[in-house]
Amino acid sequence: MGAQNGKDLLIKMDMTGEGQFVTIAGLRATRVSFNAETVDVTSLESQGGWRQLLGGAGVKTAAISGSGVFRDADTDERARQAFFDGEVPALQVVLPDFGIVEGPFQITALEYAGSHNGEATYELSLASAGALAFVPL
């Protein structure tokens, strides 16, 4: 994968619950991380005293964070309402030249800020809340 524009990493939220995904507007910076916990099965019989891990076990998680400015009332309202209602909407994360990750996410943090002589900004954090699907591009 060659160099990519950061603006091409998109976070899209299902606006209606029916698979109508719209890019969360105004995001300037986004970050996606995937993690898998390990299950240590090392014992006194482990060869050479090396740690052994149980393949395919453990919990997989994905975390998304983003920050930006307000630009689109519909997506701003949808994200805010999903947070306050404790919803777990479907999201699509478009990773350029890599693929699309889709599945349920919960908004775990929503922060607003603004300075007297600047624009209002927001930050949001999302945590995976179920099985995710991956489609390579």
N, C-alpha and C. Protein backbone atom coordinates (compact mmCIF):
# COMPACT_ATOMS: atom_id res chain seq x y z
N MET A 1 0.85 -1.17 0.00
CA MET A 1 0.00 0.00 0.00
C MET A 1 0.90 1.23 0.00
N GLY A 2 0.68 2.11 -0.96
CA GLY A 2 1.46 3.33 -1.04
C GLY A 2 0.91 4.41 -0.14
N ALA A 3 1.53 5.59 -0.19
CA ALA A 3 1.09 6.72 0.62
C ALA A 3 -0.34 7.11 0.25
N GLN A 4 -1.12 7.49 1.25
CA GLN A 4 -2.52 7.85 1.05
C GLN A 4 -2.81 9.20 1.69
N ASN A 5 -3.82 9.88 1.17
CA ASN A 5 -4.31 11.10 1.80
C ASN A 5 -5.08 10.75 3.06
N GLY A 6 -4.79 11.44 4.15
CA GLY A 6 -5.51 11.21 5.39
C GLY A 6 -6.99 11.48 5.26
N LYS A 7 -7.36 12.40 4.36
CA LYS A 7 -8.77 12.75 4.18
C LYS A 7 -9.56 11.61 3.55
N ASP A 8 -8.88 10.59 3.02
CA ASP A 8 -9.56 9.47 2.40
C ASP A 8 -9.96 8.40 3.41
N LEU A 9 -9.50 8.52 4.67
CA LEU A 9 -9.94 7.62 5.72
C LEU A 9 -11.25 8.18 6.24
N LEU A 10 -12.35 7.49 5.95
CA LEU A 10 -13.68 8.01 6.25
C LEU A 10 -14.38 7.18 7.30
N ILE A 11 -15.17 7.86 8.13
CA ILE A 11 -16.05 7.20 9.08
C ILE A 11 -17.47 7.54 8.66
N LYS A 12 -18.25 6.49 8.38
CA LYS A 12 -19.63 6.68 7.93
C LYS A 12 -20.57 6.04 8.95
N MET A 13 -21.67 6.73 9.26
CA MET A 13 -22.65 6.23 10.22
C MET A 13 -23.95 5.92 9.51
N ASP A 14 -24.59 4.83 9.94
CA ASP A 14 -25.91 4.47 9.42
C ASP A 14 -26.90 5.49 9.97
N MET A 15 -27.49 6.26 9.10
CA MET A 15 -28.36 7.36 9.52
C MET A 15 -29.77 6.92 9.87
N THR A 16 -30.22 5.80 9.29
CA THR A 16 -31.63 5.41 9.45
C THR A 16 -31.82 4.04 10.09
N GLY A 17 -30.76 3.28 10.28
CA GLY A 17 -30.89 1.91 10.75
C GLY A 17 -31.18 0.94 9.62
N GLU A 18 -31.17 1.44 8.40
CA GLU A 18 -31.48 0.61 7.23
C GLU A 18 -30.31 0.53 6.26
N GLY A 19 -29.11 0.84 6.72
CA GLY A 19 -27.93 0.74 5.85
C GLY A 19 -27.66 1.96 5.01
N GLN A 20 -28.23 3.09 5.38
CA GLN A 20 -27.96 4.35 4.67
C GLN A 20 -26.77 5.03 5.36
N PHE A 21 -25.55 4.77 4.86
CA PHE A 21 -24.34 5.28 5.49
C PHE A 21 -23.96 6.63 4.91
N VAL A 22 -23.67 7.57 5.83
CA VAL A 22 -23.27 8.92 5.45
C VAL A 22 -22.00 9.27 6.20
N THR A 23 -21.05 9.89 5.52
CA THR A 23 -19.80 10.30 6.15
C THR A 23 -20.07 11.30 7.25
N ILE A 24 -19.48 11.07 8.42
CA ILE A 24 -19.60 12.01 9.53
C ILE A 24 -18.85 13.26 9.12
N ALA A 25 -19.57 14.33 8.93
CA ALA A 25 -19.01 15.54 8.34
C ALA A 25 -18.13 16.29 9.32
N GLY A 26 -17.17 16.99 8.76
CA GLY A 26 -16.34 17.89 9.53
C GLY A 26 -15.14 17.25 10.21
N LEU A 27 -15.00 15.93 10.13
CA LEU A 27 -13.84 15.31 10.76
C LEU A 27 -12.57 15.75 10.04
N ARG A 28 -11.58 16.14 10.80
CA ARG A 28 -10.29 16.54 10.23
C ARG A 28 -9.22 15.50 10.49
N ALA A 29 -9.36 14.78 11.58
CA ALA A 29 -8.37 13.76 11.95
C ALA A 29 -9.11 12.53 12.43
N THR A 30 -8.69 11.37 11.98
CA THR A 30 -9.31 10.12 12.41
C THR A 30 -8.23 9.09 12.72
N ARG A 31 -8.60 8.16 13.59
CA ARG A 31 -7.66 7.10 13.97
C ARG A 31 -8.47 5.84 14.21
N VAL A 32 -7.96 4.72 13.70
CA VAL A 32 -8.61 3.43 13.87
C VAL A 32 -7.57 2.46 14.41
N SER A 33 -7.95 1.69 15.43
CA SER A 33 -7.03 0.67 15.94
C SER A 33 -7.79 -0.64 16.14
N PHE A 34 -7.12 -1.74 15.83
CA PHE A 34 -7.65 -3.08 16.02
C PHE A 34 -6.77 -3.79 17.03
N ASN A 35 -7.39 -4.50 17.95
CA ASN A 35 -6.64 -5.19 18.99
C ASN A 35 -7.19 -6.59 19.19
N ALA A 36 -6.33 -7.49 19.63
CA ALA A 36 -6.74 -8.84 19.99
C ALA A 36 -6.01 -9.23 21.26
N GLU A 37 -6.77 -9.56 22.30
CA GLU A 37 -6.15 -10.01 23.53
C GLU A 37 -5.51 -11.37 23.32
N THR A 38 -4.49 -11.64 24.08
CA THR A 38 -3.85 -12.94 24.00
C THR A 38 -4.28 -13.79 25.19
N VAL A 39 -4.25 -15.10 24.99
CA VAL A 39 -4.52 -16.05 26.06
C VAL A 39 -3.25 -16.85 26.26
N ASP A 40 -2.60 -16.62 27.37
CA ASP A 40 -1.32 -17.26 27.69
C ASP A 40 -1.57 -18.66 28.24
N VAL A 41 -1.00 -19.67 27.56
CA VAL A 41 -1.14 -21.06 28.00
C VAL A 41 0.22 -21.67 28.34
N THR A 42 1.16 -20.81 28.70
CA THR A 42 2.50 -21.26 29.05
C THR A 42 2.43 -22.13 30.31
N SER A 43 3.22 -23.19 30.31
CA SER A 43 3.28 -24.06 31.48
C SER A 43 4.73 -24.47 31.72
N LEU A 44 4.94 -25.26 32.76
CA LEU A 44 6.28 -25.75 33.04
C LEU A 44 6.81 -26.63 31.91
N GLU A 45 5.93 -27.15 31.09
CA GLU A 45 6.33 -28.01 29.99
C GLU A 45 6.55 -27.24 28.68
N SER A 46 6.40 -25.93 28.70
CA SER A 46 6.58 -25.13 27.48
C SER A 46 8.03 -25.23 27.02
N GLN A 47 8.22 -25.50 25.74
CA GLN A 47 9.54 -25.74 25.17
C GLN A 47 10.46 -24.55 25.40
N GLY A 48 11.58 -24.82 26.05
CA GLY A 48 12.60 -23.81 26.30
C GLY A 48 12.15 -22.68 27.21
N GLY A 49 11.02 -22.84 27.88
CA GLY A 49 10.52 -21.79 28.76
C GLY A 49 9.89 -20.63 28.01
N TRP A 50 9.64 -20.80 26.71
CA TRP A 50 9.04 -19.73 25.92
C TRP A 50 7.55 -19.66 26.15
N ARG A 51 7.05 -18.47 26.13
CA ARG A 51 5.61 -18.25 26.29
C ARG A 51 4.87 -18.91 25.13
N GLN A 52 3.71 -19.47 25.43
CA GLN A 52 2.84 -20.05 24.42
C GLN A 52 1.50 -19.34 24.47
N LEU A 53 0.95 -19.04 23.30
CA LEU A 53 -0.34 -18.38 23.21
C LEU A 53 -1.33 -19.31 22.52
N LEU A 54 -2.57 -19.24 22.95
CA LEU A 54 -3.63 -20.04 22.36
C LEU A 54 -4.19 -19.29 21.16
N GLY A 55 -3.95 -19.83 19.98
CA GLY A 55 -4.41 -19.20 18.75
C GLY A 55 -5.93 -19.16 18.66
N GLY A 56 -6.46 -18.08 18.13
CA GLY A 56 -7.89 -17.95 17.92
C GLY A 56 -8.69 -17.64 19.17
N ALA A 57 -8.03 -17.47 20.29
CA ALA A 57 -8.73 -17.17 21.54
C ALA A 57 -8.58 -15.69 21.87
N GLY A 58 -9.26 -15.24 22.87
CA GLY A 58 -9.15 -13.84 23.29
C GLY A 58 -10.22 -12.98 22.66
N VAL A 59 -10.30 -11.76 23.12
CA VAL A 59 -11.32 -10.83 22.67
C VAL A 59 -10.72 -9.87 21.65
N LYS A 60 -11.43 -9.69 20.53
CA LYS A 60 -11.00 -8.74 19.50
C LYS A 60 -11.79 -7.45 19.69
N THR A 61 -11.12 -6.32 19.53
CA THR A 61 -11.78 -5.03 19.65
C THR A 61 -11.30 -4.08 18.56
N ALA A 62 -12.11 -3.10 18.30
CA ALA A 62 -11.72 -2.02 17.40
C ALA A 62 -12.10 -0.71 18.09
N ALA A 63 -11.27 0.29 17.93
CA ALA A 63 -11.53 1.61 18.50
C ALA A 63 -11.33 2.65 17.40
N ILE A 64 -12.20 3.63 17.41
CA ILE A 64 -12.14 4.72 16.43
C ILE A 64 -12.18 6.02 17.19
N SER A 65 -11.38 6.98 16.77
CA SER A 65 -11.49 8.32 17.33
C SER A 65 -11.36 9.33 16.20
N GLY A 66 -11.97 10.46 16.40
CA GLY A 66 -11.91 11.49 15.39
C GLY A 66 -12.13 12.85 16.01
N SER A 67 -11.66 13.87 15.32
CA SER A 67 -11.88 15.24 15.77
C SER A 67 -12.09 16.12 14.56
N GLY A 68 -12.83 17.19 14.76
CA GLY A 68 -13.08 18.08 13.64
C GLY A 68 -13.94 19.25 14.02
N VAL A 69 -14.58 19.82 13.01
CA VAL A 69 -15.42 21.00 13.18
C VAL A 69 -16.84 20.66 12.75
N PHE A 70 -17.80 21.41 13.26
CA PHE A 70 -19.19 21.20 12.88
C PHE A 70 -19.42 21.73 11.47
N ARG A 71 -20.01 20.87 10.63
CA ARG A 71 -20.29 21.30 9.26
C ARG A 71 -21.63 20.80 8.76
N ASP A 72 -22.15 19.73 9.36
CA ASP A 72 -23.33 19.08 8.84
C ASP A 72 -24.29 18.79 9.98
N ALA A 73 -25.43 19.47 10.02
CA ALA A 73 -26.36 19.33 11.13
C ALA A 73 -26.91 17.92 11.27
N ASP A 74 -27.15 17.22 10.17
CA ASP A 74 -27.75 15.88 10.23
C ASP A 74 -26.82 14.87 10.89
N THR A 75 -25.56 14.81 10.47
CA THR A 75 -24.66 13.83 11.07
C THR A 75 -24.27 14.23 12.49
N ASP A 76 -24.16 15.52 12.75
CA ASP A 76 -23.88 15.97 14.12
C ASP A 76 -25.00 15.55 15.06
N GLU A 77 -26.24 15.78 14.63
CA GLU A 77 -27.41 15.41 15.44
C GLU A 77 -27.48 13.90 15.62
N ARG A 78 -27.22 13.14 14.57
CA ARG A 78 -27.29 11.67 14.65
C ARG A 78 -26.27 11.14 15.66
N ALA A 79 -25.04 11.64 15.61
CA ALA A 79 -24.00 11.19 16.55
C ALA A 79 -24.37 11.58 17.98
N ARG A 80 -24.83 12.80 18.17
CA ARG A 80 -25.20 13.26 19.51
C ARG A 80 -26.35 12.42 20.08
N GLN A 81 -27.37 12.17 19.26
CA GLN A 81 -28.51 11.41 19.74
C GLN A 81 -28.13 9.96 20.03
N ALA A 82 -27.27 9.38 19.19
CA ALA A 82 -26.81 8.01 19.43
C ALA A 82 -26.08 7.92 20.76
N PHE A 83 -25.29 8.94 21.08
CA PHE A 83 -24.58 8.95 22.36
C PHE A 83 -25.55 9.01 23.53
N PHE A 84 -26.46 9.99 23.52
CA PHE A 84 -27.36 10.19 24.65
C PHE A 84 -28.38 9.06 24.80
N ASP A 85 -28.74 8.41 23.70
CA ASP A 85 -29.68 7.30 23.76
C ASP A 85 -28.99 5.96 24.03
N GLY A 86 -27.66 5.95 24.04
CA GLY A 86 -26.92 4.71 24.26
C GLY A 86 -27.06 3.73 23.11
N GLU A 87 -27.33 4.25 21.92
CA GLU A 87 -27.48 3.40 20.74
C GLU A 87 -26.16 2.78 20.32
N VAL A 88 -26.26 1.74 19.53
CA VAL A 88 -25.09 1.07 18.96
C VAL A 88 -25.32 1.01 17.44
N PRO A 89 -25.16 2.15 16.75
CA PRO A 89 -25.42 2.17 15.32
C PRO A 89 -24.31 1.48 14.53
N ALA A 90 -24.67 1.07 13.33
CA ALA A 90 -23.68 0.49 12.42
C ALA A 90 -22.83 1.62 11.85
N LEU A 91 -21.54 1.34 11.72
CA LEU A 91 -20.61 2.27 11.10
C LEU A 91 -19.83 1.56 10.01
N GLN A 92 -19.37 2.33 9.05
CA GLN A 92 -18.42 1.85 8.06
C GLN A 92 -17.16 2.70 8.21
N VAL A 93 -16.02 2.04 8.22
CA VAL A 93 -14.75 2.73 8.24
C VAL A 93 -14.05 2.40 6.94
N VAL A 94 -13.81 3.42 6.11
CA VAL A 94 -13.19 3.23 4.81
C VAL A 94 -11.69 3.51 4.96
N LEU A 95 -10.88 2.46 4.80
CA LEU A 95 -9.43 2.58 4.88
C LEU A 95 -8.89 2.52 3.46
N PRO A 96 -8.38 3.63 2.92
CA PRO A 96 -7.98 3.69 1.52
C PRO A 96 -6.99 2.59 1.13
N ASP A 97 -7.23 1.97 -0.01
CA ASP A 97 -6.39 0.90 -0.56
C ASP A 97 -6.23 -0.28 0.39
N PHE A 98 -7.13 -0.42 1.36
CA PHE A 98 -7.06 -1.52 2.31
C PHE A 98 -8.40 -2.24 2.35
N GLY A 99 -9.46 -1.52 2.76
CA GLY A 99 -10.77 -2.14 2.80
C GLY A 99 -11.77 -1.34 3.60
N ILE A 100 -12.94 -1.93 3.77
CA ILE A 100 -14.02 -1.32 4.53
C ILE A 100 -14.35 -2.23 5.70
N VAL A 101 -14.37 -1.66 6.89
CA VAL A 101 -14.76 -2.37 8.10
C VAL A 101 -16.15 -1.88 8.45
N GLU A 102 -17.06 -2.82 8.70
CA GLU A 102 -18.44 -2.44 9.01
C GLU A 102 -18.95 -3.24 10.20
N GLY A 103 -19.69 -2.57 11.06
CA GLY A 103 -20.30 -3.25 12.19
C GLY A 103 -20.79 -2.27 13.23
N PRO A 104 -21.30 -2.79 14.34
CA PRO A 104 -21.86 -1.93 15.38
C PRO A 104 -20.78 -1.30 16.25
N PHE A 105 -20.96 -0.03 16.55
CA PHE A 105 -20.05 0.72 17.42
C PHE A 105 -20.88 1.55 18.39
N GLN A 106 -20.33 1.75 19.57
CA GLN A 106 -20.95 2.64 20.55
C GLN A 106 -20.08 3.87 20.71
N ILE A 107 -20.71 5.04 20.75
CA ILE A 107 -19.97 6.28 21.00
C ILE A 107 -19.68 6.32 22.49
N THR A 108 -18.40 6.22 22.84
CA THR A 108 -18.01 6.16 24.25
C THR A 108 -17.58 7.51 24.80
N ALA A 109 -17.30 8.46 23.94
CA ALA A 109 -16.94 9.81 24.40
C ALA A 109 -17.32 10.80 23.31
N LEU A 110 -17.84 11.92 23.73
CA LEU A 110 -18.22 13.00 22.83
C LEU A 110 -17.84 14.30 23.53
N GLU A 111 -16.89 15.03 22.95
CA GLU A 111 -16.38 16.23 23.59
C GLU A 111 -16.54 17.43 22.66
N TYR A 112 -16.90 18.55 23.24
CA TYR A 112 -17.05 19.78 22.48
C TYR A 112 -16.10 20.83 23.05
N ALA A 113 -15.57 21.67 22.18
CA ALA A 113 -14.67 22.73 22.61
C ALA A 113 -14.79 23.91 21.64
N GLY A 114 -14.35 25.04 22.10
CA GLY A 114 -14.34 26.22 21.25
C GLY A 114 -13.63 27.35 21.94
N SER A 115 -13.00 28.18 21.16
CA SER A 115 -12.34 29.35 21.72
C SER A 115 -13.07 30.60 21.24
N HIS A 116 -12.85 31.67 21.95
CA HIS A 116 -13.53 32.93 21.67
C HIS A 116 -13.37 33.37 20.21
N ASN A 117 -12.18 33.22 19.67
CA ASN A 117 -11.93 33.70 18.31
C ASN A 117 -11.67 32.55 17.34
N GLY A 118 -12.24 31.38 17.60
CA GLY A 118 -12.05 30.24 16.70
C GLY A 118 -13.34 29.47 16.50
N GLU A 119 -13.25 28.41 15.76
CA GLU A 119 -14.42 27.59 15.46
C GLU A 119 -14.72 26.62 16.60
N ALA A 120 -15.97 26.17 16.67
CA ALA A 120 -16.35 25.13 17.62
C ALA A 120 -15.85 23.79 17.06
N THR A 121 -15.29 22.98 17.93
CA THR A 121 -14.75 21.68 17.50
C THR A 121 -15.36 20.57 18.35
N TYR A 122 -15.21 19.34 17.86
CA TYR A 122 -15.66 18.21 18.64
C TYR A 122 -14.70 17.05 18.46
N GLU A 123 -14.73 16.14 19.42
CA GLU A 123 -13.97 14.90 19.36
C GLU A 123 -14.92 13.78 19.75
N LEU A 124 -14.76 12.64 19.09
CA LEU A 124 -15.57 11.50 19.46
C LEU A 124 -14.72 10.25 19.49
N SER A 125 -15.11 9.32 20.36
CA SER A 125 -14.46 8.02 20.47
C SER A 125 -15.53 6.96 20.35
N LEU A 126 -15.21 5.89 19.62
CA LEU A 126 -16.16 4.81 19.41
C LEU A 126 -15.48 3.49 19.72
N ALA A 127 -16.26 2.54 20.25
CA ALA A 127 -15.75 1.21 20.57
C ALA A 127 -16.62 0.18 19.87
N SER A 128 -16.00 -0.84 19.31
CA SER A 128 -16.76 -1.89 18.65
C SER A 128 -17.69 -2.55 19.66
N ALA A 129 -18.88 -2.92 19.18
CA ALA A 129 -19.89 -3.47 20.06
C ALA A 129 -20.50 -4.76 19.51
N GLY A 130 -19.73 -5.46 18.71
CA GLY A 130 -20.20 -6.71 18.10
C GLY A 130 -19.23 -7.13 17.01
N ALA A 131 -19.64 -8.15 16.27
CA ALA A 131 -18.80 -8.68 15.19
C ALA A 131 -18.66 -7.65 14.07
N LEU A 132 -17.45 -7.53 13.55
CA LEU A 132 -17.16 -6.63 12.45
C LEU A 132 -16.90 -7.43 11.18
N ALA A 133 -17.30 -6.86 10.05
CA ALA A 133 -17.05 -7.48 8.76
C ALA A 133 -16.00 -6.66 8.03
N PHE A 134 -15.15 -7.33 7.27
CA PHE A 134 -14.10 -6.65 6.52
C PHE A 134 -14.24 -7.02 5.04
N VAL A 135 -14.26 -6.00 4.19
CA VAL A 135 -14.30 -6.20 2.74
C VAL A 135 -13.08 -5.51 2.15
N PRO A 136 -12.14 -6.27 1.56
CA PRO A 136 -10.96 -5.63 0.98
C PRO A 136 -11.31 -4.79 -0.25
N LEU A 137 -10.56 -3.73 -0.45
CA LEU A 137 -10.75 -2.89 -1.64
C LEU A 137 -9.83 -3.31 -2.74
